[in-house]
Protein backbone atom coordinates (compact mmCIF):
# COMPACT_ATOMS: atom_id res chain seq x y z
CA MET A 1 -0.51 0.16 0.06
CA TRP A 2 1.64 3.15 -1.08
CA THR A 3 1.15 6.42 1.38
CA GLU A 4 2.25 9.98 0.24
CA PRO A 5 5.27 11.19 1.84
CA PRO A 6 3.51 14.17 3.71
CA GLU A 7 0.94 11.40 5.19
CA ALA A 8 3.56 9.02 6.42
CA ILE A 9 5.63 11.96 7.89
CA ARG A 10 2.87 13.33 9.45
CA THR A 11 2.23 10.06 11.19
CA LEU A 12 5.22 9.28 12.08
CA ARG A 13 5.53 12.77 13.18
CA ASP A 14 2.26 12.06 15.62
CA ASP A 15 4.80 9.10 17.14
CA LEU A 16 7.15 10.66 17.76
CA LEU A 17 5.27 13.40 19.63
CA ARG A 18 3.15 10.53 22.09
CA HIS A 19 6.79 9.47 22.42
CA GLY A 20 7.84 13.23 23.90
CA PHE A 21 9.67 14.80 21.10
CA THR A 22 7.50 18.02 21.20
CA HIS A 23 9.39 19.96 18.31
CA THR A 24 9.46 18.72 15.00
CA PHE A 25 9.57 20.80 11.52
CA GLN A 26 8.11 19.28 8.29
CA THR A 27 8.80 20.66 5.40
CA ASP A 28 7.41 18.90 1.60
CA PHE A 29 8.73 18.58 -1.83
CA PRO A 30 7.09 17.35 -4.85
CA GLY A 31 7.71 13.35 -4.65
CA MET A 32 9.41 13.77 -0.62
CA SER A 33 8.90 14.54 2.68
CA VAL A 34 11.51 15.97 5.19
CA LEU A 35 11.30 16.26 9.29
CA SER A 36 13.79 17.36 11.62
CA VAL A 37 13.63 15.85 15.02
CA TRP A 38 14.52 17.70 18.16
CA TYR A 39 13.43 16.48 21.51
CA ASN A 40 12.92 20.09 22.67
CA LEU A 41 14.12 23.33 21.63
CA THR A 42 17.76 23.25 23.22
CA VAL A 43 18.37 19.51 22.45
CA TRP A 44 18.97 18.61 19.40
CA TYR A 45 21.14 15.51 18.11
CA ASN A 46 21.17 16.53 14.76
CA LEU A 47 18.23 13.45 13.54
CA THR A 48 17.09 13.94 9.67
CA VAL A 49 14.01 12.20 8.89
CA TRP A 50 13.15 11.93 4.97
CA CYS A 51 10.32 9.87 3.19
CA THR A 52 10.65 9.31 -0.32
CA GLY A 53 10.18 6.24 -2.72
CA GLY A 54 8.35 4.71 -0.30
CA ALA A 55 10.57 4.64 2.36
CA PHE A 56 11.60 6.56 5.50
CA LEU A 57 15.51 7.26 5.48
CA TRP A 58 17.78 8.67 8.03
CA ARG A 59 21.40 9.66 9.06
CA ALA A 60 22.08 10.51 12.22
CA GLY A 61 25.49 12.31 13.25
CA PHE A 62 27.74 13.00 11.09
CA ALA A 63 29.24 9.80 9.83
CA PHE A 64 27.58 7.92 6.52
CA GLU A 65 27.57 4.51 8.18
CA ASP A 66 24.72 5.94 10.15
CA PHE A 67 22.17 5.71 7.93
CA ASP A 68 18.61 3.42 8.42
CA THR A 69 15.51 3.26 6.20
CA HIS A 70 12.03 1.40 7.06
CA PRO A 71 9.12 0.83 4.30
CA VAL A 72 6.85 4.25 4.87
CA GLU A 73 3.82 1.35 5.89
CA ASP A 74 5.11 0.99 9.05
CA PRO A 75 5.62 3.99 10.66
CA VAL A 76 5.40 3.04 14.25
CA GLY A 77 8.50 1.01 13.61
CA ALA A 78 9.95 3.76 12.16
CA ALA A 79 9.09 5.71 15.09
CA ARG A 80 10.79 3.37 17.08
CA ARG A 81 13.77 2.13 15.75
CA ILE A 82 14.08 6.52 15.86
CA LEU A 83 13.89 6.94 18.85
CA GLN A 84 16.74 4.09 19.49
CA ARG A 85 18.58 6.01 17.02
CA TYR A 86 18.06 9.32 18.89
CA ASP A 87 18.81 7.19 22.18
CA GLU A 88 22.40 6.34 20.84
CA LEU A 89 23.13 9.61 19.88
CA ARG A 90 22.00 11.29 22.88
CA ALA A 91 24.71 8.65 25.25
CA ARG A 92 27.76 10.12 22.31
CA ARG A 93 26.47 12.91 22.90
CA ASP A 94 26.37 14.14 18.90
CA LEU A 95 24.91 17.24 19.50
CA TYR A 96 24.53 19.59 16.66
CA GLY A 97 22.70 23.25 16.73
CA GLY A 98 22.26 23.23 20.52
CA PHE A 99 23.25 22.04 23.91
CA GLU A 100 22.28 19.15 26.97
CA PRO A 101 21.58 21.36 29.95
């Protein structure tokens, strides 16, 4: 079942919100949507999620090996994996554009 990127990202964003991620920013383009994820306004661990071609894709941190994909039909599973990645970034303090109090 195909889900358009803006709808898929909104579903993912809603699930992340239920897990405490109160600050996200969604941008939609033809055939692709992008979601920047913050836990709050002062803690940002450089996590961006793209949705295109029937998949969620994210690269956490600056290294290319930190790249994952997940089927767009499973936004709940994608949110679970993104939460795990966010915890990994937090553990190694891979901060970008913010600070952790």
